[in-house]
Amino acid sequence: MVKRERKIENVKNLLHPRNRNRFRYDFDHLIKNYPELEEFVFTNDYSHKTIDFVNPNAVRALNRVLLKEFYGISYWDIPANYLCPPIPGRADYIHYAADLLASSNHKNIPIGTSISILDIGVGANCIFPLIGNKEYGWCFVGSDIDNAAIASSQNILSSNNISSSTIEIRKQSFPGNIFTGIIQPNEFFDLSICNPPFHKSLKEAEIRTQRKWKNLGFKKEEKPILNFGGQNTELWCEGGEERFVSKMIEESVRFKKSVLWFTTLISKKTSLPTAYKELKKAEAFDIRTIEMAQGQKISRIVAWTFLNETEQKDWRTKRWNLLLK
């Protein structure tokens, strides 16, 4: 769906320039076209219409509307208590991933079904594949260890008539593995993406969320513990994101010729030194850190490749030859 050009003030300057969510939401337009959103919209103290972004039902409703408005996704929903990510941040990851691929292609973003992306931890929401396919025509494989999440993503795809040849969901049968068991022999991906669980335990997730509510002036009983929902496997793992990313880097060595660029979100700045240490140990050829910001939240993408310039040239010649002029 082509984005409608509108003069809307307050550009979210920190979002990627190609992000369709850079402008303040035109709630009058959205409510007119999607009346189901109206019950969640109110006027704040600055006379701006908005929603309560700590209400998972409101975020879920806004996501449905944004996916329809900007990406032509007619149906989207997730089970209760599963992670409901905000669209702008997820779209930013996809656009920076496109720029990363362009850096290996003479600054031209490779588009179309020849491009294969692996989403580690696709979740119940299937957000990354939906946005990436609609924006750039890429094909995706999404993996997850949770049966209900897999069923939800598959339901979203079938409800939108998206075939498995475009977006395929795979079960990771061994939770201790990340790439092993998902990447098949003689299978190649141009990029892998991941939003790893970043808490070390559910208790830590609750404590950090309670601290956030306190800083915002809310009492504990006034807001849900986890505003965007989330099952245990989505929110935390033993050792948190630091250990998860370390495992990902260690395992990526086994697939150094199968993936052009490995990437992962890093939520905590304190996780970066360990990631860099592991990447140096793994002898990655190129390591990049891409900073992203949405409002006051700062995160970053860490990307690495084991392929040198000659190997990257061979990669784009063999895999992207249909895209080259």
Protein backbone atom coordinates (compact mmCIF):
# COMPACT_ATOMS: atom_id res chain seq x y z
CA MET A 1 0.00 0.00 0.00
CA VAL A 2 1.42 3.39 -0.97
CA LYS A 3 1.90 5.76 1.89
CA ARG A 4 -0.34 8.83 1.72
CA GLU A 5 1.60 12.09 1.71
CA ARG A 6 0.42 14.29 4.57
CA LYS A 7 1.79 17.35 6.30
CA ILE A 8 1.95 16.19 9.90
CA GLU A 9 4.16 18.00 12.35
CA ASN A 10 6.54 16.48 14.88
CA VAL A 11 8.70 14.22 12.73
CA LYS A 12 10.25 11.45 14.83
CA ASN A 13 13.70 12.48 13.70
CA LEU A 14 15.46 9.59 15.37
CA LEU A 15 13.68 6.95 13.31
CA HIS A 16 15.11 5.71 10.02
CA PRO A 17 14.33 8.05 7.09
CA ARG A 18 12.40 5.31 5.27
CA ASN A 19 10.34 4.39 8.33
CA ARG A 20 6.65 4.95 7.54
CA ASN A 21 6.04 5.76 11.22
CA ARG A 22 8.28 8.84 11.41
CA PHE A 23 5.37 11.25 11.60
CA ARG A 24 2.93 11.80 14.45
CA TYR A 25 0.02 9.45 13.93
CA ASP A 26 -2.99 11.08 12.28
CA PHE A 27 -5.52 9.56 14.65
CA ASP A 28 -8.47 11.37 13.04
CA HIS A 29 -7.63 9.67 9.75
CA LEU A 30 -6.95 6.32 11.41
CA ILE A 31 -10.20 6.35 13.42
CA LYS A 32 -12.19 7.31 10.33
CA ASN A 33 -10.85 4.31 8.44
CA TYR A 34 -10.49 1.94 11.38
CA PRO A 35 -13.22 2.77 13.96
CA GLU A 36 -12.10 -0.06 16.24
CA LEU A 37 -9.18 2.11 17.32
CA GLU A 38 -11.34 4.94 18.70
CA GLU A 39 -11.94 3.44 22.15
CA PHE A 40 -8.18 3.56 22.87
CA VAL A 41 -7.54 7.14 21.71
CA PHE A 42 -7.56 10.13 24.07
CA THR A 43 -6.24 13.70 24.13
CA ASN A 44 -3.19 14.15 26.37
CA ASP A 45 -2.11 17.16 28.39
CA TYR A 46 -0.38 18.62 25.32
CA SER A 47 -3.62 18.58 23.30
CA HIS A 48 -2.34 15.71 21.13
CA LYS A 49 -4.38 12.62 20.42
CA THR A 50 -2.60 9.44 21.46
CA ILE A 51 -3.10 6.03 23.07
CA ASP A 52 -1.91 4.56 26.33
CA PHE A 53 1.27 2.81 25.17
CA VAL A 54 1.50 0.84 28.40
CA ASN A 55 -1.85 -0.80 27.69
CA PRO A 56 -1.21 -3.99 25.68
CA ASN A 57 -4.74 -3.94 24.26
CA ALA A 58 -4.23 -0.42 22.96
CA VAL A 59 -0.85 -1.30 21.43
CA ARG A 60 -2.34 -4.40 19.84
CA ALA A 61 -5.18 -2.35 18.31
CA LEU A 62 -2.75 0.29 17.01
CA ASN A 63 -0.52 -2.41 15.52
CA ARG A 64 -3.45 -3.90 13.63
CA VAL A 65 -4.32 -0.49 12.22
CA LEU A 66 -0.75 0.41 11.25
CA LEU A 67 -0.20 -2.94 9.55
CA LYS A 68 -3.37 -2.38 7.52
CA GLU A 69 -2.66 1.26 6.74
CA PHE A 70 1.02 1.08 5.80
CA TYR A 71 1.68 -2.55 4.90
CA GLY A 72 -1.61 -3.91 3.54
CA ILE A 73 -1.89 -6.64 6.20
CA SER A 74 -5.63 -7.29 6.45
CA TYR A 75 -5.49 -9.56 9.51
CA TRP A 76 -3.18 -9.49 12.50
CA ASP A 77 -3.66 -10.64 16.06
CA ILE A 78 -1.76 -12.49 18.77
CA PRO A 79 -2.79 -14.62 21.74
CA ALA A 80 -3.18 -12.94 25.11
CA ASN A 81 0.04 -12.40 27.07
CA TYR A 82 2.34 -12.74 24.06
CA LEU A 83 4.81 -10.04 23.10
CA CYS A 84 3.15 -7.15 21.28
CA PRO A 85 6.03 -5.11 19.87
CA PRO A 86 5.61 -1.49 18.74
CA ILE A 87 5.72 -1.27 14.95
CA PRO A 88 8.14 1.73 14.56
CA GLY A 89 11.09 0.06 16.30
CA ARG A 90 10.66 -3.19 14.41
CA ALA A 91 10.40 -1.33 11.10
CA ASP A 92 13.62 0.52 11.94
CA TYR A 93 15.48 -2.77 12.33
CA ILE A 94 14.28 -3.87 8.89
CA HIS A 95 15.38 -0.62 7.23
CA TYR A 96 18.82 -0.67 8.83
CA ALA A 97 19.13 -4.30 7.77
CA ALA A 98 18.39 -3.19 4.22
CA ASP A 99 21.16 -0.58 4.47
CA LEU A 100 23.52 -3.26 5.74
CA LEU A 101 22.81 -5.45 2.71
CA ALA A 102 23.25 -2.41 0.48
CA SER A 103 26.75 -1.95 1.92
CA SER A 104 27.63 -5.27 0.29
CA ASN A 105 25.97 -4.28 -2.99
CA HIS A 106 27.48 -0.93 -4.07
CA LYS A 107 25.01 0.90 -1.79
CA ASN A 108 22.03 -0.53 -3.67
CA ILE A 109 19.42 -2.28 -1.53
CA PRO A 110 18.84 -5.79 -2.90
CA ILE A 111 15.11 -6.42 -3.22
CA GLY A 112 12.82 -9.24 -4.29
CA THR A 113 12.35 -12.90 -3.62
CA SER A 114 16.00 -13.74 -4.30
CA ILE A 115 16.80 -12.30 -0.87
CA SER A 116 16.37 -14.72 2.05
CA ILE A 117 16.20 -13.51 5.65
CA LEU A 118 16.28 -15.66 8.78
CA ASP A 119 14.31 -14.37 11.78
CA ILE A 120 15.47 -16.06 14.99
CA GLY A 121 12.56 -15.99 17.44
CA VAL A 122 9.76 -14.93 15.11
CA GLY A 123 7.31 -15.02 18.01
CA ALA A 124 3.54 -15.01 17.83
CA ASN A 125 3.49 -11.63 16.07
CA CYS A 126 5.53 -12.36 12.90
CA ILE A 127 6.27 -8.63 12.67
CA PHE A 128 9.73 -8.69 11.09
CA PRO A 129 8.77 -10.97 8.17
CA LEU A 130 5.55 -9.06 7.49
CA ILE A 131 7.28 -5.68 7.31
CA GLY A 132 10.38 -6.95 5.49
CA ASN A 133 8.34 -8.71 2.83
CA LYS A 134 6.05 -5.75 2.23
CA GLU A 135 8.86 -3.17 2.17
CA TYR A 136 11.47 -5.05 0.12
CA GLY A 137 9.86 -8.19 -1.22
CA TRP A 138 12.25 -10.41 0.75
CA CYS A 139 11.49 -14.01 1.63
CA PHE A 140 11.75 -15.08 5.25
CA VAL A 141 12.22 -18.11 7.42
CA GLY A 142 11.09 -17.52 11.00
CA SER A 143 12.07 -19.90 13.78
CA ASP A 144 10.71 -20.34 17.30
CA ILE A 145 10.67 -22.87 20.11
CA ASP A 146 7.11 -22.11 21.25
CA ASN A 147 4.28 -24.11 19.64
CA ALA A 148 1.60 -21.50 20.36
CA ALA A 149 3.77 -18.74 18.89
CA ILE A 150 4.35 -20.81 15.76
CA ALA A 151 0.62 -21.50 15.41
CA SER A 152 -0.15 -17.79 15.80
CA SER A 153 2.37 -16.73 13.15
CA GLN A 154 1.12 -19.39 10.76
CA ASN A 155 -2.45 -18.22 11.34
CA ILE A 156 -1.46 -14.64 10.51
CA LEU A 157 0.19 -15.78 7.29
CA SER A 158 -2.66 -18.01 6.14
CA SER A 159 -5.22 -15.31 6.97
CA ASN A 160 -3.33 -12.95 4.66
CA ASN A 161 -2.82 -15.57 1.92
CA ILE A 162 0.96 -15.45 2.36
CA SER A 163 2.47 -18.75 1.24
CA SER A 164 5.26 -20.66 2.94
CA SER A 165 7.45 -20.02 -0.09
CA THR A 166 7.36 -16.35 0.90
CA ILE A 167 7.40 -16.63 4.70
CA GLU A 168 8.06 -20.01 6.27
CA ILE A 169 7.80 -20.77 9.99
CA ARG A 170 10.04 -23.50 11.42
CA LYS A 171 10.06 -25.13 14.85
CA GLN A 172 13.35 -25.11 16.72
CA SER A 173 13.07 -28.49 18.41
CA PHE A 174 16.19 -28.02 20.52
CA PRO A 175 15.88 -24.85 22.66
CA GLY A 176 19.61 -24.83 23.32
CA ASN A 177 20.31 -24.29 19.63
CA ILE A 178 19.92 -21.12 17.61
CA PHE A 179 20.98 -21.79 14.03
CA THR A 180 21.59 -25.53 14.26
CA GLY A 181 18.50 -27.45 13.18
CA ILE A 182 17.06 -24.43 11.39
CA ILE A 183 19.60 -23.71 8.65
CA GLN A 184 19.54 -26.75 6.40
CA PRO A 185 22.48 -28.17 4.39
CA ASN A 186 23.19 -26.10 1.27
CA GLU A 187 20.77 -23.41 2.47
CA PHE A 188 21.87 -19.78 2.39
CA PHE A 189 20.57 -16.60 4.01
CA ASP A 190 21.56 -13.09 3.10
CA LEU A 191 20.89 -11.88 6.63
CA SER A 192 19.78 -13.13 10.02
CA ILE A 193 17.88 -10.96 12.49
CA CYS A 194 17.02 -11.49 16.14
CA ASN A 195 15.41 -9.72 19.06
CA PRO A 196 16.82 -11.83 21.90
CA PRO A 197 15.26 -12.23 25.35
CA PHE A 198 17.15 -9.68 27.42
CA HIS A 199 16.21 -10.38 31.04
CA LYS A 200 17.98 -13.02 33.13
CA SER A 201 14.74 -14.09 34.85
CA LEU A 202 11.05 -13.29 35.03
CA LYS A 203 11.65 -11.71 38.42
CA GLU A 204 14.21 -9.36 36.92
CA ALA A 205 11.74 -8.41 34.17
CA GLU A 206 9.07 -7.59 36.74
CA ILE A 207 11.46 -5.57 38.93
CA ARG A 208 12.68 -3.50 35.98
CA THR A 209 9.12 -2.87 34.79
CA GLN A 210 7.99 -1.85 38.28
CA ARG A 211 10.93 0.55 38.45
CA LYS A 212 9.87 2.05 35.12
CA TRP A 213 6.29 2.56 36.33
CA LYS A 214 7.59 4.21 39.50
CA ASN A 215 9.73 6.60 37.48
CA LEU A 216 6.69 7.44 35.37
CA GLY A 217 4.66 8.19 38.50
CA PHE A 218 2.41 5.12 38.41
CA LYS A 219 1.53 3.01 41.38
CA LYS A 220 2.24 -0.71 41.07
CA GLU A 221 -1.44 -1.67 40.95
CA GLU A 222 -2.27 0.88 38.27
CA LYS A 223 -0.43 -0.77 35.39
CA PRO A 224 0.16 -4.34 34.22
CA ILE A 225 3.52 -5.81 35.17
CA LEU A 226 4.58 -6.30 31.55
CA ASN A 227 2.92 -3.75 29.30
CA PHE A 228 3.71 -5.41 25.99
CA GLY A 229 2.96 -8.89 27.27
CA GLY A 230 5.39 -11.68 26.61
CA GLN A 231 5.91 -15.30 27.46
CA ASN A 232 8.94 -16.49 29.41
CA THR A 233 10.88 -17.46 26.29
CA GLU A 234 10.27 -14.04 24.76
CA LEU A 235 11.34 -12.00 27.77
CA TRP A 236 14.09 -13.84 29.55
CA CYS A 237 16.55 -16.69 29.42
CA GLU A 238 19.30 -17.88 31.72
CA GLY A 239 22.09 -15.34 31.49
CA GLY A 240 19.92 -12.80 29.68
CA GLU A 241 20.73 -11.27 26.30
CA GLU A 242 24.47 -11.28 27.05
CA ARG A 243 24.64 -15.06 27.23
CA PHE A 244 22.13 -15.53 24.40
CA VAL A 245 24.11 -13.32 22.04
CA SER A 246 27.35 -15.02 23.05
CA LYS A 247 25.80 -18.36 22.17
CA MET A 248 24.58 -16.93 18.87
CA ILE A 249 28.05 -15.69 17.97
CA GLU A 250 29.66 -18.99 18.94
CA GLU A 251 27.17 -20.95 16.85
CA SER A 252 27.40 -18.55 13.88
CA VAL A 253 30.96 -19.77 13.24
CA ARG A 254 29.50 -23.10 12.11
CA PHE A 255 27.44 -21.28 9.49
CA LYS A 256 29.98 -18.65 8.43
CA LYS A 257 29.55 -19.58 4.75
CA SER A 258 25.76 -19.92 4.95
CA VAL A 259 24.88 -16.39 6.07
CA LEU A 260 26.23 -13.16 4.61
CA TRP A 261 25.39 -10.92 7.60
CA PHE A 262 24.45 -12.02 11.11
CA THR A 263 22.68 -9.38 13.20
CA THR A 264 21.02 -9.06 16.58
CA LEU A 265 19.41 -6.34 18.63
CA ILE A 266 21.26 -5.38 21.80
CA SER A 267 19.07 -3.63 24.37
CA LYS A 268 21.64 -3.18 27.12
CA LYS A 269 24.79 -1.20 26.45
CA THR A 270 26.51 -3.28 29.12
CA SER A 271 26.11 -6.35 26.87
CA LEU A 272 28.31 -4.87 24.14
CA PRO A 273 31.79 -5.60 25.58
CA THR A 274 31.04 -9.31 25.87
CA ALA A 275 29.62 -9.37 22.34
CA TYR A 276 32.74 -7.68 20.93
CA LYS A 277 34.97 -10.06 22.87
CA GLU A 278 33.14 -13.08 21.46
CA LEU A 279 33.21 -11.68 17.93
CA LYS A 280 36.95 -11.15 18.16
CA LYS A 281 37.34 -14.70 19.44
CA ALA A 282 35.20 -15.96 16.54
CA GLU A 283 37.43 -14.05 14.10
CA ALA A 284 34.61 -12.20 12.38
CA PHE A 285 35.89 -10.31 9.34
CA ASP A 286 33.72 -7.21 9.78
CA ILE A 287 31.83 -6.04 12.88
CA ARG A 288 29.41 -3.11 12.90
CA THR A 289 27.26 -1.43 15.52
CA ILE A 290 24.18 0.48 14.36
CA GLU A 291 22.52 2.73 16.92
CA MET A 292 18.76 3.13 16.88
CA ALA A 293 16.48 5.33 18.96
CA GLN A 294 12.75 5.59 19.46
CA GLY A 295 11.80 8.38 21.79
CA GLN A 296 14.00 8.05 24.87
CA LYS A 297 14.75 4.38 24.27
CA ILE A 298 18.19 3.65 22.84
CA SER A 299 19.11 0.28 21.38
CA ARG A 300 21.54 -0.93 18.79
CA ILE A 301 22.07 -3.60 16.17
CA VAL A 302 25.32 -5.53 16.24
CA ALA A 303 26.17 -7.04 12.85
CA TRP A 304 29.02 -9.30 11.76
CA THR A 305 30.17 -11.24 8.73
CA PHE A 306 32.88 -13.83 8.21
CA LEU A 307 33.12 -13.13 4.47
CA ASN A 308 35.89 -10.90 3.13
CA GLU A 309 35.47 -8.48 0.21
CA THR A 310 36.16 -11.11 -2.43
CA GLU A 311 33.74 -13.57 -0.85
CA GLN A 312 31.07 -10.87 -0.57
CA LYS A 313 31.55 -10.07 -4.26
CA ASP A 314 31.15 -13.75 -5.12
CA TRP A 315 28.05 -13.89 -2.92
CA ARG A 316 26.25 -11.06 -4.69
CA THR A 317 27.33 -12.30 -8.11
CA LYS A 318 26.00 -15.82 -7.52
CA ARG A 319 23.00 -15.08 -5.31
CA TRP A 320 21.94 -11.65 -6.48
CA ASN A 321 22.81 -11.99 -10.15
CA LEU A 322 19.18 -11.51 -11.17
CA LEU A 323 19.22 -8.15 -9.41
CA LEU A 324 22.37 -6.81 -11.00
CA LYS A 325 22.22 -4.64 -14.08
